[in-house]
Amino acid sequence: MLKELRRRGVAVAVVSNIGWDLRPIFVRSGLDAYVDSYVLSFKLGVQKPDPRIFRAACERLGLPPAQVLMVGDHRPDDGGAMALGCPFLEVRALPVRERPQDLLPVLDLVAAAPGCEDEG
């Protein structure tokens, strides 16, 4: 998914409440090349669902909230982005191998978003 979003020119931010730096995991797995920004609660000093963490992600992406899709597996926390006006897509809180199709709607939403063009 991240590779396809990059191919389409879609900026990606990771917003995390994890109390440690998860960037090395992205580097080791080769996924860091597909992430434009990391907004980490332990660095920012606020946690989801506080709208400030989502506002920081939007600002780092250089986009207004209405153009930033929040994808998450915990509506009470991740859905906090909706307070800013971000659309929200909830995925099931299961291991990825148990939900291989859950992120596919992201591509449809990106293709339908105003100002987004699929080059493929």
C-alpha atoms as a PDB file:
ATOM      1  CA  MET A   1       0.000   0.000   0.000  1.00  0.00           C
ATOM      2  CA  LEU A   2       2.728   2.462   0.930  1.00  0.00           C
ATOM      3  CA  LYS A   3       4.588   1.774  -2.301  1.00  0.00           C
ATOM      4  CA  GLU A   4       1.446   2.367  -4.351  1.00  0.00           C
ATOM      5  CA  LEU A   5       0.627   5.576  -2.506  1.00  0.00           C
ATOM      6  CA  ARG A   6       4.159   6.811  -3.201  1.00  0.00           C
ATOM      7  CA  ARG A   7       3.779   5.890  -6.880  1.00  0.00           C
ATOM      8  CA  ARG A   8       0.609   7.977  -6.990  1.00  0.00           C
ATOM      9  CA  GLY A   9       2.336  10.919  -5.339  1.00  0.00           C
ATOM     10  CA  VAL A  10       0.343  10.710  -2.107  1.00  0.00           C
ATOM     11  CA  ALA A  11       2.144  12.013   0.963  1.00  0.00           C
ATOM     12  CA  VAL A  12       2.087   9.735   4.032  1.00  0.00           C
ATOM     13  CA  ALA A  13       2.506  10.515   7.722  1.00  0.00           C
ATOM     14  CA  VAL A  14       2.647   7.990  10.535  1.00  0.00           C
ATOM     15  CA  VAL A  15       0.903   9.177  13.707  1.00  0.00           C
ATOM     16  CA  SER A  16       1.700   7.013  16.707  1.00  0.00           C
ATOM     17  CA  ASN A  17       0.994   6.888  20.438  1.00  0.00           C
ATOM     18  CA  ILE A  18       3.765   4.333  20.976  1.00  0.00           C
ATOM     19  CA  GLY A  19       6.073   5.503  23.762  1.00  0.00           C
ATOM     20  CA  TRP A  20       9.278   4.806  21.828  1.00  0.00           C
ATOM     21  CA  ASP A  21      10.745   5.702  18.456  1.00  0.00           C
ATOM     22  CA  LEU A  22       9.345   3.357  15.822  1.00  0.00           C
ATOM     23  CA  ARG A  23      11.288   4.925  12.921  1.00  0.00           C
ATOM     24  CA  PRO A  24      14.124   2.355  13.125  1.00  0.00           C
ATOM     25  CA  ILE A  25      11.573  -0.390  12.462  1.00  0.00           C
ATOM     26  CA  PHE A  26      10.499   1.386   9.287  1.00  0.00           C
ATOM     27  CA  VAL A  27      14.150   1.786   8.270  1.00  0.00           C
ATOM     28  CA  ARG A  28      14.964  -1.890   8.873  1.00  0.00           C
ATOM     29  CA  SER A  29      11.930  -3.023   6.912  1.00  0.00           C
ATOM     30  CA  GLY A  30      12.628  -0.625   4.027  1.00  0.00           C
ATOM     31  CA  LEU A  31       9.328   1.194   4.543  1.00  0.00           C
ATOM     32  CA  ASP A  32      10.876   4.510   5.550  1.00  0.00           C
ATOM     33  CA  ALA A  33      11.237   5.447   1.874  1.00  0.00           C
ATOM     34  CA  TYR A  34       7.432   5.644   1.692  1.00  0.00           C
ATOM     35  CA  VAL A  35       6.831   7.827   4.753  1.00  0.00           C
ATOM     36  CA  ASP A  36       7.117  11.607   4.545  1.00  0.00           C
ATOM     37  CA  SER A  37       6.697  12.397   8.231  1.00  0.00           C
ATOM     38  CA  TYR A  38       6.421  10.739  11.617  1.00  0.00           C
ATOM     39  CA  VAL A  39       4.327  12.375  14.323  1.00  0.00           C
ATOM     40  CA  LEU A  40       5.191  10.598  17.543  1.00  0.00           C
ATOM     41  CA  SER A  41       3.258  11.366  20.714  1.00  0.00           C
ATOM     42  CA  PHE A  42       6.271  10.958  22.983  1.00  0.00           C
ATOM     43  CA  LYS A  43       8.126  13.625  21.001  1.00  0.00           C
ATOM     44  CA  LEU A  44       5.160  15.981  20.538  1.00  0.00           C
ATOM     45  CA  GLY A  45       3.912  15.717  24.119  1.00  0.00           C
ATOM     46  CA  VAL A  46       0.283  14.960  23.204  1.00  0.00           C
ATOM     47  CA  GLN A  47      -1.496  11.717  22.434  1.00  0.00           C
ATOM     48  CA  LYS A  48      -4.331  10.631  20.201  1.00  0.00           C
ATOM     49  CA  PRO A  49      -7.193  11.525  20.221  1.00  0.00           C
ATOM     50  CA  ASP A  50      -5.937  15.060  20.958  1.00  0.00           C
ATOM     51  CA  PRO A  51      -6.517  17.023  17.735  1.00  0.00           C
ATOM     52  CA  ARG A  52      -3.091  18.663  18.076  1.00  0.00           C
ATOM     53  CA  ILE A  53      -1.314  15.451  17.072  1.00  0.00           C
ATOM     54  CA  PHE A  54      -3.417  15.232  13.909  1.00  0.00           C
ATOM     55  CA  ARG A  55      -2.993  18.951  13.207  1.00  0.00           C
ATOM     56  CA  ALA A  56       0.784  18.459  13.421  1.00  0.00           C
ATOM     57  CA  ALA A  57       0.551  15.645  10.859  1.00  0.00           C
ATOM     58  CA  CYS A  58      -1.502  17.809   8.486  1.00  0.00           C
ATOM     59  CA  GLU A  59       0.930  20.697   8.866  1.00  0.00           C
ATOM     60  CA  ARG A  60       3.939  18.468   8.209  1.00  0.00           C
ATOM     61  CA  LEU A  61       2.247  17.158   5.070  1.00  0.00           C
ATOM     62  CA  GLY A  62       1.398  20.719   4.038  1.00  0.00           C
ATOM     63  CA  LEU A  63      -2.273  19.847   3.591  1.00  0.00           C
ATOM     64  CA  PRO A  64      -5.542  21.037   5.091  1.00  0.00           C
ATOM     65  CA  PRO A  65      -7.313  18.430   7.233  1.00  0.00           C
ATOM     66  CA  ALA A  66     -10.088  17.917   4.678  1.00  0.00           C
ATOM     67  CA  GLN A  67      -7.442  16.556   2.271  1.00  0.00           C
ATOM     68  CA  VAL A  68      -5.838  14.179   4.785  1.00  0.00           C
ATOM     69  CA  LEU A  69      -7.302  10.701   5.192  1.00  0.00           C
ATOM     70  CA  MET A  70      -6.710   9.199   8.634  1.00  0.00           C
ATOM     71  CA  VAL A  71      -6.503   5.410   8.504  1.00  0.00           C
ATOM     72  CA  GLY A  72      -6.520   3.633  11.833  1.00  0.00           C
ATOM     73  CA  ASP A  73      -7.697   0.642  13.787  1.00  0.00           C
ATOM     74  CA  HIS A  74      -8.993   2.350  16.936  1.00  0.00           C
ATOM     75  CA  ARG A  75     -11.859   4.792  16.345  1.00  0.00           C
ATOM     76  CA  PRO A  76     -11.768   6.369  19.840  1.00  0.00           C
ATOM     77  CA  ASP A  77      -8.133   7.431  19.335  1.00  0.00           C
ATOM     78  CA  ASP A  78      -7.617   7.586  15.573  1.00  0.00           C
ATOM     79  CA  GLY A  79     -11.064   9.028  14.985  1.00  0.00           C
ATOM     80  CA  GLY A  80      -9.904  12.129  16.850  1.00  0.00           C
ATOM     81  CA  ALA A  81      -8.698  13.353  13.466  1.00  0.00           C
ATOM     82  CA  MET A  82     -12.340  13.878  12.524  1.00  0.00           C
ATOM     83  CA  ALA A  83     -12.526  16.764  15.013  1.00  0.00           C
ATOM     84  CA  LEU A  84     -10.243  18.646  12.604  1.00  0.00           C
ATOM     85  CA  GLY A  85     -12.235  17.635   9.549  1.00  0.00           C
ATOM     86  CA  CYS A  86     -10.062  14.744   8.378  1.00  0.00           C
ATOM     87  CA  PRO A  87     -11.952  11.900   6.732  1.00  0.00           C
ATOM     88  CA  PHE A  88     -11.435   8.657   8.660  1.00  0.00           C
ATOM     89  CA  LEU A  89     -11.206   5.048   7.473  1.00  0.00           C
ATOM     90  CA  GLU A  90     -11.291   2.407  10.164  1.00  0.00           C
ATOM     91  CA  VAL A  91      -9.543  -0.911   9.546  1.00  0.00           C
ATOM     92  CA  ARG A  92      -9.942  -3.973  11.709  1.00  0.00           C
ATOM     93  CA  ALA A  93      -7.508  -4.312  14.609  1.00  0.00           C
ATOM     94  CA  LEU A  94      -6.112  -7.630  13.398  1.00  0.00           C
ATOM     95  CA  PRO A  95      -2.700  -8.780  12.198  1.00  0.00           C
ATOM     96  CA  VAL A  96      -2.224  -7.679   8.573  1.00  0.00           C
ATOM     97  CA  ARG A  97      -2.178 -11.270   7.319  1.00  0.00           C
ATOM     98  CA  GLU A  98      -5.731 -11.647   8.676  1.00  0.00           C
ATOM     99  CA  ARG A  99      -7.017  -8.545   6.880  1.00  0.00           C
ATOM    100  CA  PRO A 100      -5.171  -8.412   3.565  1.00  0.00           C
ATOM    101  CA  GLN A 101      -7.906  -6.450   1.766  1.00  0.00           C
ATOM    102  CA  ASP A 102      -8.703  -3.888   4.477  1.00  0.00           C
ATOM    103  CA  LEU A 103      -6.513  -1.121   3.066  1.00  0.00           C
ATOM    104  CA  LEU A 104      -7.773  -1.383  -0.519  1.00  0.00           C
ATOM    105  CA  PRO A 105     -10.486   1.272   0.054  1.00  0.00           C
ATOM    106  CA  VAL A 106      -7.649   3.758   0.622  1.00  0.00           C
ATOM    107  CA  LEU A 107      -6.783   3.611  -3.083  1.00  0.00           C
ATOM    108  CA  ASP A 108     -10.396   4.269  -4.079  1.00  0.00           C
ATOM    109  CA  LEU A 109     -10.641   7.194  -1.667  1.00  0.00           C
ATOM    110  CA  VAL A 110      -7.367   8.660  -2.915  1.00  0.00           C
ATOM    111  CA  ALA A 111      -8.496   8.334  -6.542  1.00  0.00           C
ATOM    112  CA  ALA A 112     -11.814  10.049  -5.734  1.00  0.00           C
ATOM    113  CA  ALA A 113     -10.291  12.915  -3.749  1.00  0.00           C
ATOM    114  CA  PRO A 114     -10.409  16.347  -5.365  1.00  0.00           C
ATOM    115  CA  GLY A 115      -7.052  17.309  -6.789  1.00  0.00           C
ATOM    116  CA  CYS A 116      -5.717  13.751  -6.769  1.00  0.00           C
ATOM    117  CA  GLU A 117      -5.004  12.144 -10.066  1.00  0.00           C
ATOM    118  CA  ASP A 118      -4.028   8.528 -10.570  1.00  0.00           C
ATOM    119  CA  GLU A 119      -1.145   8.385 -13.023  1.00  0.00           C
ATOM    120  CA  GLY A 120      -1.717   4.678 -13.635  1.00  0.00           C
END
